[in-house]
Amino acid sequence: MPAEIRELRSRGLEVIPGSARASTRLDAELESFVTETVYLQPLRLWLLVRAAWLCLRRFRRITDLFERMFSGTEGLGRRVRALLHTRLGAYYALLLEARGVEHIHVHHGYFASWIAMVASRRWESLSV
C-alpha cells in the first residue's frame, strides 16, 4: 500500500490514507503515514449522533443500500452489522467532509467496502 500511495502522489494525486483504527504494530514503511491517516476509531459520540441524523435526513441517498440489506439471503447478524456499518459510513463521510475527497479506494472486503460505499454517496451539504 505505501508504494501505491507514493506512486499516486508522484502522479500529482492527493491521497488521504484511512483506517478503522490505529495499529500499534506497523512496519517502518507504514510509520510515515500514521499522522496523516484518518481513523474511524476512537469513535466520537457527537459525530455518531450527527451520522445518525445524516442518515435520517438524507435517507433517499442510501435507500438502495437498505433494499440490498433487507432483500438478500444474508442472516440476521450480517444484516445488523450492515446497518451499523451504514452509520459508520455516514460517520466516515463526516470525517472526510472538509477534505474535498472525490474518490475512496478500499483494500478490504465486505464491511470496509460497505463503509466506503456509504461514505462516497453524494450527501450534498453534510451540515446537519
N, C-alpha and C. Protein backbone atom coordinates (compact mmCIF):
# COMPACT_ATOMS: atom_id res chain seq x y z
N MET A 1 0.81 -1.20 0.00
CA MET A 1 0.00 0.00 0.00
C MET A 1 0.85 1.27 0.00
N PRO A 2 1.91 1.36 0.80
CA PRO A 2 2.72 2.59 0.75
C PRO A 2 3.26 2.87 -0.65
N ALA A 3 3.66 1.83 -1.37
CA ALA A 3 4.17 2.03 -2.73
C ALA A 3 3.07 2.57 -3.63
N GLU A 4 1.86 2.07 -3.46
CA GLU A 4 0.73 2.55 -4.27
C GLU A 4 0.44 4.02 -3.97
N ILE A 5 0.45 4.38 -2.71
CA ILE A 5 0.20 5.78 -2.33
C ILE A 5 1.29 6.68 -2.88
N ARG A 6 2.52 6.27 -2.73
CA ARG A 6 3.63 7.09 -3.25
C ARG A 6 3.55 7.24 -4.77
N GLU A 7 3.17 6.18 -5.46
CA GLU A 7 3.04 6.25 -6.92
C GLU A 7 1.93 7.22 -7.32
N LEU A 8 0.79 7.13 -6.65
CA LEU A 8 -0.32 8.05 -6.96
C LEU A 8 0.09 9.49 -6.68
N ARG A 9 0.79 9.71 -5.59
CA ARG A 9 1.25 11.06 -5.27
C ARG A 9 2.26 11.56 -6.30
N SER A 10 3.10 10.67 -6.80
CA SER A 10 4.08 11.09 -7.81
C SER A 10 3.40 11.52 -9.10
N ARG A 11 2.15 11.09 -9.29
CA ARG A 11 1.37 11.46 -10.47
C ARG A 11 0.50 12.70 -10.20
N GLY A 12 0.70 13.31 -9.03
CA GLY A 12 0.00 14.55 -8.73
C GLY A 12 -1.32 14.40 -8.01
N LEU A 13 -1.66 13.19 -7.59
CA LEU A 13 -2.92 12.98 -6.87
C LEU A 13 -2.71 13.16 -5.38
N GLU A 14 -3.70 13.74 -4.73
CA GLU A 14 -3.66 13.84 -3.28
C GLU A 14 -4.31 12.59 -2.72
N VAL A 15 -3.61 11.91 -1.84
CA VAL A 15 -4.08 10.67 -1.25
C VAL A 15 -4.16 10.85 0.25
N ILE A 16 -5.32 10.52 0.81
CA ILE A 16 -5.54 10.59 2.26
C ILE A 16 -5.75 9.16 2.76
N PRO A 17 -4.76 8.60 3.45
CA PRO A 17 -4.94 7.24 3.97
C PRO A 17 -6.04 7.21 5.03
N GLY A 18 -6.74 6.09 5.09
CA GLY A 18 -7.78 5.91 6.09
C GLY A 18 -7.71 4.52 6.68
N SER A 19 -8.16 4.38 7.92
CA SER A 19 -8.14 3.09 8.59
C SER A 19 -9.22 3.08 9.66
N ALA A 20 -9.69 1.90 10.00
CA ALA A 20 -10.70 1.79 11.05
C ALA A 20 -10.10 2.18 12.40
N ARG A 21 -8.88 1.73 12.66
CA ARG A 21 -8.24 2.06 13.93
C ARG A 21 -6.73 2.10 13.76
N ALA A 22 -6.10 2.82 14.66
CA ALA A 22 -4.64 2.91 14.64
C ALA A 22 -4.06 1.57 15.09
N SER A 23 -3.01 1.15 14.45
CA SER A 23 -2.35 -0.10 14.80
C SER A 23 -1.14 0.21 15.67
N THR A 24 -0.87 -0.67 16.61
CA THR A 24 0.29 -0.47 17.47
C THR A 24 1.54 -1.12 16.86
N ARG A 25 1.34 -2.00 15.88
CA ARG A 25 2.47 -2.68 15.24
C ARG A 25 2.49 -2.35 13.75
N LEU A 26 3.36 -1.44 13.38
CA LEU A 26 3.50 -1.07 11.97
C LEU A 26 4.93 -1.24 11.54
N ASP A 27 5.11 -1.64 10.30
CA ASP A 27 6.47 -1.69 9.79
C ASP A 27 6.92 -0.26 9.49
N ALA A 28 8.21 -0.09 9.34
CA ALA A 28 8.79 1.25 9.16
C ALA A 28 8.20 1.98 7.97
N GLU A 29 7.85 1.25 6.91
CA GLU A 29 7.30 1.87 5.70
C GLU A 29 5.94 2.52 5.97
N LEU A 30 5.14 1.94 6.86
CA LEU A 30 3.82 2.50 7.17
C LEU A 30 3.87 3.60 8.23
N GLU A 31 4.92 3.64 9.04
CA GLU A 31 5.02 4.64 10.11
C GLU A 31 4.86 6.06 9.59
N SER A 32 5.35 6.33 8.40
CA SER A 32 5.29 7.69 7.86
C SER A 32 3.87 8.14 7.57
N PHE A 33 2.92 7.21 7.48
CA PHE A 33 1.54 7.57 7.17
C PHE A 33 0.66 7.78 8.41
N VAL A 34 1.16 7.47 9.59
CA VAL A 34 0.36 7.49 10.81
C VAL A 34 -0.28 8.85 11.06
N THR A 35 0.47 9.91 10.97
CA THR A 35 -0.06 11.23 11.32
C THR A 35 -1.05 11.78 10.31
N GLU A 36 -1.00 11.30 9.08
CA GLU A 36 -1.91 11.82 8.06
C GLU A 36 -3.13 10.93 7.82
N THR A 37 -3.19 9.81 8.49
CA THR A 37 -4.27 8.86 8.31
C THR A 37 -5.52 9.31 9.05
N VAL A 38 -6.68 9.17 8.41
CA VAL A 38 -7.97 9.45 9.05
C VAL A 38 -8.48 8.13 9.65
N TYR A 39 -8.68 8.13 10.96
CA TYR A 39 -9.10 6.92 11.66
C TYR A 39 -10.57 7.02 12.07
N LEU A 40 -11.30 5.92 11.92
CA LEU A 40 -12.68 5.87 12.41
C LEU A 40 -12.72 5.82 13.94
N GLN A 41 -11.77 5.12 14.52
CA GLN A 41 -11.75 4.97 15.97
C GLN A 41 -10.60 5.74 16.55
N PRO A 42 -10.74 6.28 17.74
CA PRO A 42 -11.87 6.11 18.64
C PRO A 42 -13.09 6.90 18.13
N LEU A 43 -14.24 6.30 18.31
CA LEU A 43 -15.49 6.94 17.87
C LEU A 43 -15.80 8.13 18.77
N ARG A 44 -16.30 9.17 18.15
CA ARG A 44 -16.69 10.37 18.91
C ARG A 44 -18.21 10.42 18.95
N LEU A 45 -18.75 10.50 20.14
CA LEU A 45 -20.20 10.43 20.33
C LEU A 45 -20.92 11.49 19.51
N TRP A 46 -20.45 12.72 19.53
CA TRP A 46 -21.15 13.79 18.81
C TRP A 46 -21.16 13.53 17.30
N LEU A 47 -20.10 12.90 16.77
CA LEU A 47 -20.09 12.57 15.35
C LEU A 47 -21.00 11.38 15.04
N LEU A 48 -21.10 10.44 15.98
CA LEU A 48 -22.05 9.33 15.81
C LEU A 48 -23.48 9.83 15.75
N VAL A 49 -23.79 10.80 16.60
CA VAL A 49 -25.13 11.40 16.60
C VAL A 49 -25.37 12.11 15.27
N ARG A 50 -24.39 12.89 14.83
CA ARG A 50 -24.51 13.59 13.53
C ARG A 50 -24.67 12.60 12.39
N ALA A 51 -23.95 11.47 12.44
CA ALA A 51 -24.03 10.46 11.39
C ALA A 51 -25.43 9.84 11.35
N ALA A 52 -25.99 9.56 12.52
CA ALA A 52 -27.35 9.00 12.56
C ALA A 52 -28.34 10.01 11.98
N TRP A 53 -28.19 11.26 12.34
CA TRP A 53 -29.08 12.31 11.84
C TRP A 53 -28.91 12.47 10.33
N LEU A 54 -27.67 12.39 9.86
CA LEU A 54 -27.40 12.48 8.42
C LEU A 54 -28.12 11.36 7.68
N CYS A 55 -28.06 10.15 8.20
CA CYS A 55 -28.75 9.01 7.57
C CYS A 55 -30.26 9.24 7.52
N LEU A 56 -30.80 9.80 8.57
CA LEU A 56 -32.25 10.05 8.60
C LEU A 56 -32.64 11.18 7.65
N ARG A 57 -31.90 12.28 7.70
CA ARG A 57 -32.25 13.44 6.86
C ARG A 57 -32.02 13.20 5.39
N ARG A 58 -31.01 12.41 5.04
CA ARG A 58 -30.68 12.17 3.65
C ARG A 58 -30.93 10.70 3.28
N PHE A 59 -31.98 10.13 3.84
CA PHE A 59 -32.26 8.71 3.67
C PHE A 59 -32.36 8.29 2.21
N ARG A 60 -32.88 9.17 1.37
CA ARG A 60 -33.03 8.79 -0.05
C ARG A 60 -31.69 8.48 -0.70
N ARG A 61 -30.59 9.00 -0.15
CA ARG A 61 -29.26 8.73 -0.68
C ARG A 61 -28.80 7.29 -0.42
N ILE A 62 -29.43 6.63 0.55
CA ILE A 62 -29.00 5.28 0.91
C ILE A 62 -30.14 4.27 0.87
N THR A 63 -31.26 4.65 0.29
CA THR A 63 -32.42 3.75 0.20
C THR A 63 -32.06 2.44 -0.49
N ASP A 64 -31.30 2.52 -1.57
CA ASP A 64 -30.92 1.30 -2.29
C ASP A 64 -30.08 0.36 -1.44
N LEU A 65 -29.29 0.92 -0.53
CA LEU A 65 -28.49 0.07 0.36
C LEU A 65 -29.39 -0.69 1.33
N PHE A 66 -30.43 -0.02 1.81
CA PHE A 66 -31.37 -0.70 2.70
C PHE A 66 -32.14 -1.78 1.96
N GLU A 67 -32.44 -1.54 0.70
CA GLU A 67 -33.10 -2.57 -0.10
C GLU A 67 -32.20 -3.79 -0.23
N ARG A 68 -30.90 -3.57 -0.49
CA ARG A 68 -29.95 -4.67 -0.56
C ARG A 68 -29.83 -5.40 0.77
N MET A 69 -29.77 -4.59 1.82
CA MET A 69 -29.57 -5.13 3.16
C MET A 69 -30.69 -6.08 3.57
N PHE A 70 -31.91 -5.73 3.21
CA PHE A 70 -33.05 -6.49 3.72
C PHE A 70 -33.71 -7.40 2.69
N SER A 71 -33.20 -7.42 1.46
CA SER A 71 -33.79 -8.30 0.47
C SER A 71 -32.90 -9.48 0.12
N GLY A 72 -31.69 -9.51 0.63
CA GLY A 72 -30.75 -10.58 0.30
C GLY A 72 -30.98 -11.83 1.13
N THR A 73 -30.05 -12.74 1.00
CA THR A 73 -30.15 -14.02 1.71
C THR A 73 -29.29 -14.06 2.97
N GLU A 74 -28.65 -12.95 3.32
CA GLU A 74 -27.79 -12.91 4.49
C GLU A 74 -28.60 -13.16 5.76
N GLY A 75 -27.90 -13.66 6.77
CA GLY A 75 -28.54 -13.89 8.05
C GLY A 75 -28.74 -12.59 8.82
N LEU A 76 -29.45 -12.69 9.92
CA LEU A 76 -29.77 -11.53 10.74
C LEU A 76 -28.51 -10.81 11.23
N GLY A 77 -27.52 -11.57 11.66
CA GLY A 77 -26.28 -10.96 12.16
C GLY A 77 -25.60 -10.09 11.13
N ARG A 78 -25.52 -10.57 9.92
CA ARG A 78 -24.88 -9.80 8.84
C ARG A 78 -25.71 -8.56 8.51
N ARG A 79 -27.01 -8.67 8.56
CA ARG A 79 -27.88 -7.51 8.28
C ARG A 79 -27.72 -6.43 9.35
N VAL A 80 -27.64 -6.85 10.61
CA VAL A 80 -27.44 -5.89 11.70
C VAL A 80 -26.09 -5.21 11.56
N ARG A 81 -25.05 -5.98 11.24
CA ARG A 81 -23.72 -5.38 11.03
C ARG A 81 -23.75 -4.40 9.85
N ALA A 82 -24.45 -4.76 8.80
CA ALA A 82 -24.55 -3.85 7.64
C ALA A 82 -25.24 -2.55 8.05
N LEU A 83 -26.24 -2.65 8.89
CA LEU A 83 -26.93 -1.46 9.39
C LEU A 83 -25.96 -0.58 10.19
N LEU A 84 -25.20 -1.20 11.07
CA LEU A 84 -24.21 -0.45 11.87
C LEU A 84 -23.11 0.14 10.98
N HIS A 85 -22.69 -0.61 9.99
CA HIS A 85 -21.65 -0.11 9.09
C HIS A 85 -22.17 0.99 8.17
N THR A 86 -23.46 1.01 7.94
CA THR A 86 -24.05 2.12 7.19
C THR A 86 -23.89 3.41 7.98
N ARG A 87 -24.15 3.33 9.27
CA ARG A 87 -23.96 4.51 10.13
C ARG A 87 -22.48 4.90 10.17
N LEU A 88 -21.59 3.91 10.21
CA LEU A 88 -20.15 4.22 10.19
C LEU A 88 -19.74 4.87 8.87
N GLY A 89 -20.40 4.49 7.79
CA GLY A 89 -20.11 5.13 6.51
C GLY A 89 -20.48 6.60 6.53
N ALA A 90 -21.63 6.92 7.13
CA ALA A 90 -22.02 8.33 7.28
C ALA A 90 -21.04 9.05 8.20
N TYR A 91 -20.60 8.37 9.24
CA TYR A 91 -19.60 8.90 10.17
C TYR A 91 -18.30 9.23 9.41
N TYR A 92 -17.87 8.29 8.56
CA TYR A 92 -16.66 8.49 7.78
C TYR A 92 -16.82 9.65 6.80
N ALA A 93 -18.00 9.78 6.22
CA ALA A 93 -18.27 10.92 5.33
C ALA A 93 -18.09 12.24 6.09
N LEU A 94 -18.55 12.26 7.33
CA LEU A 94 -18.39 13.47 8.14
C LEU A 94 -16.92 13.74 8.45
N LEU A 95 -16.14 12.68 8.70
CA LEU A 95 -14.71 12.86 8.95
C LEU A 95 -13.99 13.42 7.72
N LEU A 96 -14.47 13.05 6.54
CA LEU A 96 -13.81 13.46 5.30
C LEU A 96 -14.38 14.73 4.68
N GLU A 97 -15.49 15.24 5.21
CA GLU A 97 -16.22 16.30 4.51
C GLU A 97 -15.40 17.54 4.19
N ALA A 98 -14.50 17.95 5.03
CA ALA A 98 -13.73 19.18 4.78
C ALA A 98 -12.52 18.95 3.88
N ARG A 99 -12.28 17.72 3.49
CA ARG A 99 -11.08 17.39 2.72
C ARG A 99 -11.29 17.35 1.21
N GLY A 100 -12.52 17.51 0.75
CA GLY A 100 -12.78 17.53 -0.69
C GLY A 100 -12.50 16.21 -1.39
N VAL A 101 -12.75 15.10 -0.73
CA VAL A 101 -12.47 13.78 -1.28
C VAL A 101 -13.38 13.51 -2.48
N GLU A 102 -12.79 13.04 -3.56
CA GLU A 102 -13.55 12.73 -4.77
C GLU A 102 -13.64 11.24 -5.04
N HIS A 103 -12.79 10.45 -4.42
CA HIS A 103 -12.75 9.02 -4.68
C HIS A 103 -12.27 8.31 -3.41
N ILE A 104 -12.91 7.19 -3.07
CA ILE A 104 -12.49 6.38 -1.94
C ILE A 104 -12.13 5.00 -2.48
N HIS A 105 -10.93 4.56 -2.17
CA HIS A 105 -10.43 3.26 -2.63
C HIS A 105 -10.23 2.38 -1.40
N VAL A 106 -10.75 1.16 -1.43
CA VAL A 106 -10.70 0.27 -0.28
C VAL A 106 -9.96 -1.00 -0.66
N HIS A 107 -9.17 -1.51 0.28
CA HIS A 107 -8.40 -2.73 0.05
C HIS A 107 -8.97 -3.94 0.77
N HIS A 108 -10.03 -3.79 1.48
CA HIS A 108 -10.57 -4.93 2.22
C HIS A 108 -12.01 -5.16 1.82
N GLY A 109 -12.49 -6.35 2.12
CA GLY A 109 -13.78 -6.82 1.64
C GLY A 109 -15.00 -6.20 2.26
N TYR A 110 -15.97 -7.02 2.42
CA TYR A 110 -17.36 -6.68 2.65
C TYR A 110 -17.64 -5.42 3.46
N PHE A 111 -17.30 -5.39 4.74
CA PHE A 111 -17.73 -4.25 5.56
C PHE A 111 -16.91 -2.99 5.31
N ALA A 112 -15.61 -3.11 5.05
CA ALA A 112 -14.82 -1.92 4.70
C ALA A 112 -15.36 -1.32 3.41
N SER A 113 -15.71 -2.17 2.47
CA SER A 113 -16.28 -1.69 1.21
C SER A 113 -17.63 -1.04 1.43
N TRP A 114 -18.44 -1.61 2.31
CA TRP A 114 -19.77 -1.06 2.60
C TRP A 114 -19.62 0.33 3.22
N ILE A 115 -18.72 0.47 4.19
CA ILE A 115 -18.49 1.77 4.83
C ILE A 115 -18.06 2.80 3.79
N ALA A 116 -17.13 2.42 2.93
CA ALA A 116 -16.66 3.34 1.88
C ALA A 116 -17.76 3.68 0.90
N MET A 117 -18.58 2.70 0.56
CA MET A 117 -19.68 2.93 -0.39
C MET A 117 -20.67 3.95 0.19
N VAL A 118 -20.97 3.81 1.47
CA VAL A 118 -21.88 4.78 2.12
C VAL A 118 -21.22 6.15 2.18
N ALA A 119 -19.96 6.18 2.59
CA ALA A 119 -19.25 7.46 2.71
C ALA A 119 -19.14 8.19 1.38
N SER A 120 -19.09 7.43 0.29
CA SER A 120 -18.90 8.05 -1.02
C SER A 120 -20.19 8.59 -1.63
N ARG A 121 -21.32 8.32 -1.00
CA ARG A 121 -22.59 8.83 -1.54
C ARG A 121 -22.55 10.34 -1.61
N ARG A 122 -23.21 10.87 -2.58
CA ARG A 122 -23.28 12.33 -2.72
C ARG A 122 -24.28 12.83 -1.70
N TRP A 123 -23.79 13.24 -0.56
CA TRP A 123 -24.64 13.64 0.56
C TRP A 123 -25.09 15.09 0.42
N GLU A 124 -24.69 15.78 -0.62
CA GLU A 124 -24.91 17.22 -0.76
C GLU A 124 -24.20 17.89 0.41
N SER A 125 -24.73 18.91 0.96
CA SER A 125 -24.14 19.54 2.13
C SER A 125 -24.34 18.63 3.33
N LEU A 126 -23.26 18.36 4.05
CA LEU A 126 -23.36 17.46 5.20
C LEU A 126 -23.78 18.20 6.45
N SER A 127 -23.87 19.49 6.39
CA SER A 127 -24.28 20.25 7.57
C SER A 127 -25.66 19.83 8.01
N VAL A 128 -25.70 19.22 9.16
CA VAL A 128 -26.98 18.75 9.71
C VAL A 128 -27.10 19.20 11.15
